[in-house]
Amino acid sequence: MILKNLSTRALFMATLGILSVTQISCKDKKQAAATEPVVTQAPSPAFKLSLAQWSMHKMINEEGVDPYSFAQKASEWGFEGLEYVSQLYNKELQPANYSPEAMANFVSKSLAASEQYGMKNLLIMIDGQGNLATTDAAERQEAVENHYKWVDAAAALGCHSVRVNLSGSNDPAVWVPAATDGLTALATYAATKNINVIVENHGGLSSNAALLVQVMEGVNMPNAGTLPDFGNFCITAEWGASGRTCLEEYDRYKGVEELMPYAKAVSAKSHDFDAEGQEIHTDYPRIMQLVKDAGYTGFVGVEYEGSSLSEEAGIIATRDLLISLQ
């Protein structure tokens, strides 16, 4: 009987199907090991990808795509995280004056969709709720309080942050203290909800990274940070018949490097691509190396804003470029 030469322990293990009842010689084991393929585990990606809903703003505003299809489409395009944009829900929320019932409906529908498609809610980009860096103290406080409902919504969705704009004066001596005050006030409220308040370089003096760093240093709160955007470093611009002309632009590579120590999210802005799939306005290998060098391991958000490709094609092109740089 084959089992008679096995030890009592081996016999017990064999009866459980854990060991083969046929003993293998040491020579046979070595030969088997030599012929077995070596399995290596693929390295973990340096970062995960999220989709900024603004990448779909033409679909939503011009083509009538339901903003609540965001989770489904992001999932189909291969993303893991969602970055909502408040203004894309204005058609529904403004007529209701952002009532508690309307906001609760936004949260309920968004949460259900994100759970259905296995997506992670990351942040809400807030626009149109007042100037957080205005020199008028009463107006600034009103703007701070206007953001509260969105902070509450972000907490209910399980997000880690809200993105805000620091619009205000074009005089650095005035803007820095006003921006510091407004951001401090909002971050103080957001801390009670376990939410970060992050500032994007988004035009005006907020696109001057050195000045925005001064604001971060002045606020000095763990839940206040930045959202470096690769393409929003135009400080001064003028609009004409042919569109916007940037008159003063901060160096994007210097700016990203300066803002990354405070970053709690990253916005990979894109517009146009060459035949090899490289973004022609931003050196993506260079700028993504700055992100990696800063030790950042969070989500990187795709934000396509071009016009030469459809929004879907631009989203996919940006996604594929980032994947190639992992």
Protein backbone atom coordinates (compact mmCIF):
# COMPACT_ATOMS: atom_id res chain seq x y z
CA MET A 1 0.00 0.00 0.00
CA ILE A 2 1.40 3.38 -0.97
CA LEU A 3 0.48 5.03 2.34
CA LYS A 4 2.41 2.57 4.52
CA ASN A 5 5.76 4.35 4.11
CA LEU A 6 4.41 7.77 5.14
CA SER A 7 4.80 9.08 8.66
CA THR A 8 1.72 9.42 10.82
CA ARG A 9 1.66 13.22 10.26
CA ALA A 10 2.14 12.83 6.51
CA LEU A 11 -0.61 10.24 6.41
CA PHE A 12 -2.96 12.62 8.22
CA MET A 13 -2.10 15.47 5.85
CA ALA A 14 -2.50 13.19 2.86
CA THR A 15 -5.98 12.20 3.92
CA LEU A 16 -6.91 15.90 3.93
CA GLY A 17 -5.66 16.24 0.40
CA ILE A 18 -2.88 18.60 1.42
CA LEU A 19 -0.01 16.25 0.50
CA SER A 20 0.21 13.90 -2.43
CA VAL A 21 0.16 10.27 -1.39
CA THR A 22 2.99 9.67 -3.82
CA GLN A 23 6.35 10.59 -2.32
CA ILE A 24 8.70 12.58 -4.50
CA SER A 25 12.43 12.05 -4.27
CA CYS A 26 14.78 14.96 -3.65
CA LYS A 27 16.04 14.58 -7.22
CA ASP A 28 12.51 14.71 -8.58
CA LYS A 29 11.77 17.80 -6.51
CA LYS A 30 14.81 19.61 -7.93
CA GLN A 31 13.84 18.68 -11.47
CA ALA A 32 10.27 19.85 -10.89
CA ALA A 33 11.46 23.15 -9.44
CA ALA A 34 13.75 23.70 -12.43
CA THR A 35 10.90 23.30 -14.88
CA GLU A 36 8.31 25.36 -13.01
CA PRO A 37 7.84 28.92 -14.30
CA VAL A 38 9.07 31.72 -12.06
CA VAL A 39 6.15 33.93 -11.03
CA THR A 40 7.02 37.57 -10.39
CA GLN A 41 4.58 40.06 -8.96
CA ALA A 42 4.03 43.17 -11.05
CA PRO A 43 5.13 46.35 -9.26
CA SER A 44 2.32 48.40 -7.75
CA PRO A 45 1.48 51.54 -9.75
CA ALA A 46 2.92 54.76 -8.36
CA PHE A 47 -0.55 56.30 -8.24
CA LYS A 48 -4.19 55.63 -9.00
CA LEU A 49 -6.22 57.55 -11.55
CA SER A 50 -9.34 59.60 -10.93
CA LEU A 51 -11.49 61.57 -13.33
CA ALA A 52 -12.30 65.24 -12.89
CA GLN A 53 -15.94 65.73 -13.89
CA TRP A 54 -15.01 68.94 -15.69
CA SER A 55 -13.61 66.69 -18.42
CA MET A 56 -17.29 65.97 -19.22
CA HIS A 57 -18.63 69.53 -19.01
CA LYS A 58 -19.44 69.78 -22.73
CA MET A 59 -21.23 66.44 -22.65
CA ILE A 60 -23.31 67.64 -19.71
CA ASN A 61 -23.88 71.28 -20.63
CA GLU A 62 -24.17 70.97 -24.41
CA GLU A 63 -25.16 67.38 -25.14
CA GLY A 64 -27.53 66.78 -22.27
CA VAL A 65 -25.62 63.94 -20.65
CA ASP A 66 -26.93 63.27 -17.14
CA PRO A 67 -24.33 64.42 -14.57
CA TYR A 68 -25.36 61.45 -12.44
CA SER A 69 -23.92 59.15 -15.13
CA PHE A 70 -20.48 60.33 -14.00
CA ALA A 71 -19.66 57.22 -11.97
CA GLN A 72 -20.78 54.85 -14.72
CA LYS A 73 -18.77 56.58 -17.43
CA ALA A 74 -15.66 56.96 -15.27
CA SER A 75 -15.82 53.26 -14.46
CA GLU A 76 -16.21 52.32 -18.13
CA TRP A 77 -13.19 54.47 -18.99
CA GLY A 78 -11.05 52.66 -16.43
CA PHE A 79 -10.85 55.12 -13.53
CA GLU A 80 -11.08 54.36 -9.82
CA GLY A 81 -11.82 57.77 -8.27
CA LEU A 82 -14.34 60.58 -8.80
CA GLU A 83 -13.79 64.35 -8.58
CA TYR A 84 -17.17 66.10 -8.72
CA VAL A 85 -17.76 69.65 -10.00
CA SER A 86 -20.47 71.57 -8.16
CA GLN A 87 -21.50 73.82 -11.04
CA LEU A 88 -22.44 70.85 -13.23
CA TYR A 89 -25.42 70.30 -10.91
CA ASN A 90 -26.58 73.95 -10.98
CA LYS A 91 -29.47 73.18 -13.32
CA GLU A 92 -30.98 71.12 -10.53
CA LEU A 93 -29.68 72.89 -7.44
CA GLN A 94 -29.94 76.60 -8.26
CA PRO A 95 -33.75 76.65 -8.74
CA ALA A 96 -34.02 75.00 -5.32
CA ASN A 97 -31.62 77.58 -3.86
CA TYR A 98 -29.36 74.75 -2.70
CA SER A 99 -31.92 73.72 -0.10
CA PRO A 100 -31.07 70.94 2.36
CA GLU A 101 -33.50 68.68 0.49
CA ALA A 102 -31.86 69.41 -2.88
CA MET A 103 -28.37 68.85 -1.49
CA ALA A 104 -29.48 65.63 0.18
CA ASN A 105 -30.83 64.43 -3.17
CA PHE A 106 -27.50 65.23 -4.85
CA VAL A 107 -25.66 63.25 -2.19
CA SER A 108 -28.06 60.31 -2.28
CA LYS A 109 -28.00 59.89 -6.06
CA SER A 110 -24.23 60.41 -6.34
CA LEU A 111 -23.50 58.00 -3.50
CA ALA A 112 -25.77 55.32 -4.95
CA ALA A 113 -24.08 55.60 -8.37
CA SER A 114 -20.56 55.52 -6.94
CA GLU A 115 -21.37 52.42 -4.89
CA GLN A 116 -23.06 50.71 -7.83
CA TYR A 117 -19.94 51.05 -9.98
CA GLY A 118 -17.38 50.55 -7.22
CA MET A 119 -15.94 54.05 -7.47
CA LYS A 120 -14.22 56.04 -4.73
CA ASN A 121 -15.50 59.55 -4.07
CA LEU A 122 -12.50 61.85 -3.61
CA LEU A 123 -13.44 65.50 -3.73
CA ILE A 124 -15.89 68.16 -4.87
CA MET A 125 -14.66 71.16 -6.87
CA ILE A 126 -16.70 74.15 -5.69
CA ASP A 127 -17.39 77.13 -7.92
CA GLY A 128 -19.73 80.11 -7.80
CA GLN A 129 -20.13 80.33 -4.03
CA GLY A 130 -18.45 83.68 -3.46
CA ASN A 131 -14.93 85.07 -3.25
CA LEU A 132 -12.99 83.63 -0.34
CA ALA A 133 -10.20 86.19 -0.75
CA THR A 134 -12.24 89.37 -1.19
CA THR A 135 -11.10 92.36 0.87
CA ASP A 136 -14.65 92.91 2.16
CA ALA A 137 -14.73 91.02 5.46
CA ALA A 138 -18.51 90.60 5.52
CA GLU A 139 -18.59 89.39 1.92
CA ARG A 140 -15.70 87.03 2.65
CA GLN A 141 -17.53 85.51 5.62
CA GLU A 142 -20.65 85.08 3.51
CA ALA A 143 -18.58 83.23 0.92
CA VAL A 144 -17.10 81.01 3.64
CA GLU A 145 -20.57 80.09 4.88
CA ASN A 146 -21.82 79.48 1.33
CA HIS A 147 -19.24 76.70 1.10
CA TYR A 148 -20.50 74.91 4.23
CA LYS A 149 -23.21 72.96 2.39
CA TRP A 150 -20.64 71.57 -0.01
CA VAL A 151 -18.30 70.62 2.82
CA ASP A 152 -21.23 68.75 4.38
CA ALA A 153 -21.99 67.06 1.05
CA ALA A 154 -18.35 66.00 0.66
CA ALA A 155 -18.38 64.46 4.12
CA ALA A 156 -21.61 62.60 3.37
CA LEU A 157 -20.13 61.22 0.14
CA GLY A 158 -17.00 60.00 1.90
CA CYS A 159 -14.71 62.47 0.08
CA HIS A 160 -11.45 63.63 1.62
CA SER A 161 -11.52 67.21 0.28
CA VAL A 162 -13.30 70.12 -1.28
CA ARG A 163 -11.47 72.24 -3.86
CA VAL A 164 -11.98 75.99 -3.57
CA ASN A 165 -10.88 79.11 -5.44
CA LEU A 166 -9.16 82.06 -3.77
CA SER A 167 -10.54 84.87 -5.91
CA GLY A 168 -9.93 88.43 -4.78
CA SER A 169 -7.62 91.38 -5.23
CA ASN A 170 -4.80 91.51 -7.78
CA ASP A 171 -2.59 93.27 -5.23
CA PRO A 172 -0.40 90.65 -3.48
CA ALA A 173 -0.12 92.79 -0.34
CA VAL A 174 -3.90 92.70 -0.02
CA TRP A 175 -4.65 89.29 -1.49
CA VAL A 176 -2.36 87.19 0.73
CA PRO A 177 -3.87 88.26 4.10
CA ALA A 178 -7.45 88.14 2.75
CA ALA A 179 -6.91 84.68 1.23
CA THR A 180 -5.28 83.48 4.43
CA ASP A 181 -8.23 84.67 6.49
CA GLY A 182 -10.88 83.17 4.19
CA LEU A 183 -9.14 79.83 3.89
CA THR A 184 -8.52 79.63 7.64
CA ALA A 185 -12.18 80.27 8.38
CA LEU A 186 -13.40 77.60 5.95
CA ALA A 187 -10.76 75.05 6.99
CA THR A 188 -11.77 75.55 10.62
CA TYR A 189 -15.34 74.55 9.79
CA ALA A 190 -14.23 71.73 7.47
CA ALA A 191 -12.05 70.25 10.22
CA THR A 192 -15.20 69.52 12.21
CA LYS A 193 -16.34 67.34 9.28
CA ASN A 194 -12.94 65.70 8.75
CA ILE A 195 -12.66 67.36 5.33
CA ASN A 196 -9.62 69.02 3.74
CA VAL A 197 -9.91 72.36 1.97
CA ILE A 198 -7.57 72.45 -1.00
CA VAL A 199 -6.78 75.38 -3.27
CA GLU A 200 -6.20 75.06 -6.99
CA ASN A 201 -3.99 77.43 -8.94
CA HIS A 202 -6.98 78.74 -10.87
CA GLY A 203 -6.23 82.16 -12.28
CA GLY A 204 -5.37 85.50 -10.74
CA LEU A 205 -2.87 85.50 -7.90
CA SER A 206 -3.74 81.92 -6.97
CA SER A 207 -1.73 80.98 -10.09
CA ASN A 208 1.34 82.60 -8.56
CA ALA A 209 2.62 79.55 -6.72
CA ALA A 210 5.02 81.48 -4.51
CA LEU A 211 2.16 83.64 -3.22
CA LEU A 212 -0.09 80.61 -2.72
CA VAL A 213 2.67 79.02 -0.67
CA GLN A 214 2.66 82.14 1.53
CA VAL A 215 -1.06 81.58 2.10
CA MET A 216 -0.47 77.93 3.01
CA GLU A 217 2.22 78.93 5.47
CA GLY A 218 -0.05 81.57 6.97
CA VAL A 219 -3.00 79.19 7.40
CA ASN A 220 -0.77 76.40 8.73
CA MET A 221 -3.57 73.88 9.28
CA PRO A 222 -3.28 70.15 8.57
CA ASN A 223 -6.53 70.10 6.59
CA ALA A 224 -5.59 73.04 4.34
CA GLY A 225 -3.60 72.24 1.22
CA THR A 226 -3.22 72.61 -2.51
CA LEU A 227 -4.42 70.96 -5.70
CA PRO A 228 -1.63 71.64 -8.21
CA ASP A 229 -3.06 71.87 -11.74
CA PHE A 230 -0.58 71.34 -14.57
CA GLY A 231 -2.14 73.95 -16.84
CA ASN A 232 -3.66 76.75 -14.74
CA PHE A 233 -0.70 79.06 -14.26
CA CYS A 234 -1.99 82.08 -16.18
CA ILE A 235 -1.97 85.02 -13.76
CA THR A 236 -3.19 87.77 -16.08
CA ALA A 237 -5.18 87.34 -19.30
CA GLU A 238 -7.33 89.27 -21.71
CA TRP A 239 -10.26 88.03 -23.73
CA GLY A 240 -10.84 88.86 -27.38
CA ALA A 241 -12.72 87.60 -30.40
CA SER A 242 -10.26 84.74 -30.77
CA GLY A 243 -10.49 83.73 -27.13
CA ARG A 244 -8.17 84.18 -24.18
CA THR A 245 -4.64 85.50 -24.45
CA CYS A 246 -2.41 84.97 -21.42
CA LEU A 247 -0.36 88.06 -20.64
CA GLU A 248 1.50 86.78 -17.58
CA GLU A 249 2.14 83.12 -16.86
CA TYR A 250 3.93 81.44 -13.97
CA ASP A 251 6.37 78.68 -14.88
CA ARG A 252 4.32 75.49 -14.54
CA TYR A 253 7.20 73.24 -13.56
CA LYS A 254 8.44 75.64 -10.90
CA GLY A 255 4.85 76.11 -9.74
CA VAL A 256 4.07 72.40 -9.43
CA GLU A 257 7.32 71.82 -7.55
CA GLU A 258 6.49 74.63 -5.10
CA LEU A 259 2.89 73.49 -4.52
CA MET A 260 3.50 69.75 -4.21
CA PRO A 261 4.61 69.82 -0.53
CA TYR A 262 1.06 70.94 0.32
CA ALA A 263 -0.76 68.79 -2.25
CA LYS A 264 -3.64 66.55 -1.23
CA ALA A 265 -4.69 65.96 -4.87
CA VAL A 266 -3.16 66.52 -8.31
CA SER A 267 -4.88 67.69 -11.50
CA ALA A 268 -3.35 66.39 -14.73
CA LYS A 269 -4.63 69.08 -17.11
CA SER A 270 -4.40 68.32 -20.82
CA HIS A 271 -5.40 70.02 -24.08
CA ASP A 272 -3.64 68.68 -27.19
CA PHE A 273 -1.56 65.63 -28.14
CA ASP A 274 1.01 64.79 -30.81
CA ALA A 275 1.12 61.65 -32.93
CA GLU A 276 3.03 59.82 -30.20
CA GLY A 277 0.39 60.56 -27.58
CA GLN A 278 2.40 63.22 -25.73
CA GLU A 279 0.70 66.39 -24.45
CA ILE A 280 2.19 69.22 -26.48
CA HIS A 281 1.78 72.05 -23.92
CA THR A 282 3.13 70.22 -20.87
CA ASP A 283 6.13 67.90 -20.66
CA TYR A 284 4.29 65.11 -18.85
CA PRO A 285 7.35 62.94 -18.09
CA ARG A 286 9.03 65.97 -16.52
CA ILE A 287 6.04 67.20 -14.55
CA MET A 288 5.03 63.75 -13.33
CA GLN A 289 8.58 63.22 -12.11
CA LEU A 290 8.12 66.33 -9.96
CA VAL A 291 4.97 64.75 -8.53
CA LYS A 292 6.82 61.52 -7.76
CA ASP A 293 9.86 63.32 -6.35
CA ALA A 294 7.57 65.04 -3.85
CA GLY A 295 6.64 61.62 -2.47
CA TYR A 296 3.03 61.94 -3.59
CA THR A 297 1.18 58.61 -3.79
CA GLY A 298 -2.45 59.72 -3.94
CA PHE A 299 -4.81 59.84 -6.90
CA VAL A 300 -3.90 61.80 -10.03
CA GLY A 301 -6.98 63.33 -11.63
CA VAL A 302 -7.43 63.49 -15.40
CA GLU A 303 -8.83 66.85 -16.50
CA TYR A 304 -9.07 67.10 -20.27
CA GLU A 305 -9.98 70.59 -21.45
CA GLY A 306 -9.06 70.53 -25.13
CA SER A 307 -11.15 70.92 -28.26
CA SER A 308 -9.21 69.10 -30.98
CA LEU A 309 -10.41 65.75 -29.61
CA SER A 310 -13.81 64.81 -28.30
CA GLU A 311 -14.05 64.82 -24.53
CA GLU A 312 -14.08 61.03 -24.40
CA ALA A 313 -11.08 60.72 -26.73
CA GLY A 314 -9.18 63.39 -24.77
CA ILE A 315 -9.94 61.70 -21.47
CA ILE A 316 -8.65 58.38 -22.79
CA ALA A 317 -5.54 59.97 -24.33
CA THR A 318 -4.66 61.61 -21.01
CA ARG A 319 -5.37 58.39 -19.11
CA ASP A 320 -3.11 56.38 -21.41
CA LEU A 321 -0.31 58.93 -21.19
CA LEU A 322 -0.38 58.77 -17.39
CA ILE A 323 -0.45 54.98 -17.41
CA SER A 324 2.67 54.98 -19.59
CA LEU A 325 4.45 57.05 -16.93
CA GLN A 326 3.72 54.78 -13.96
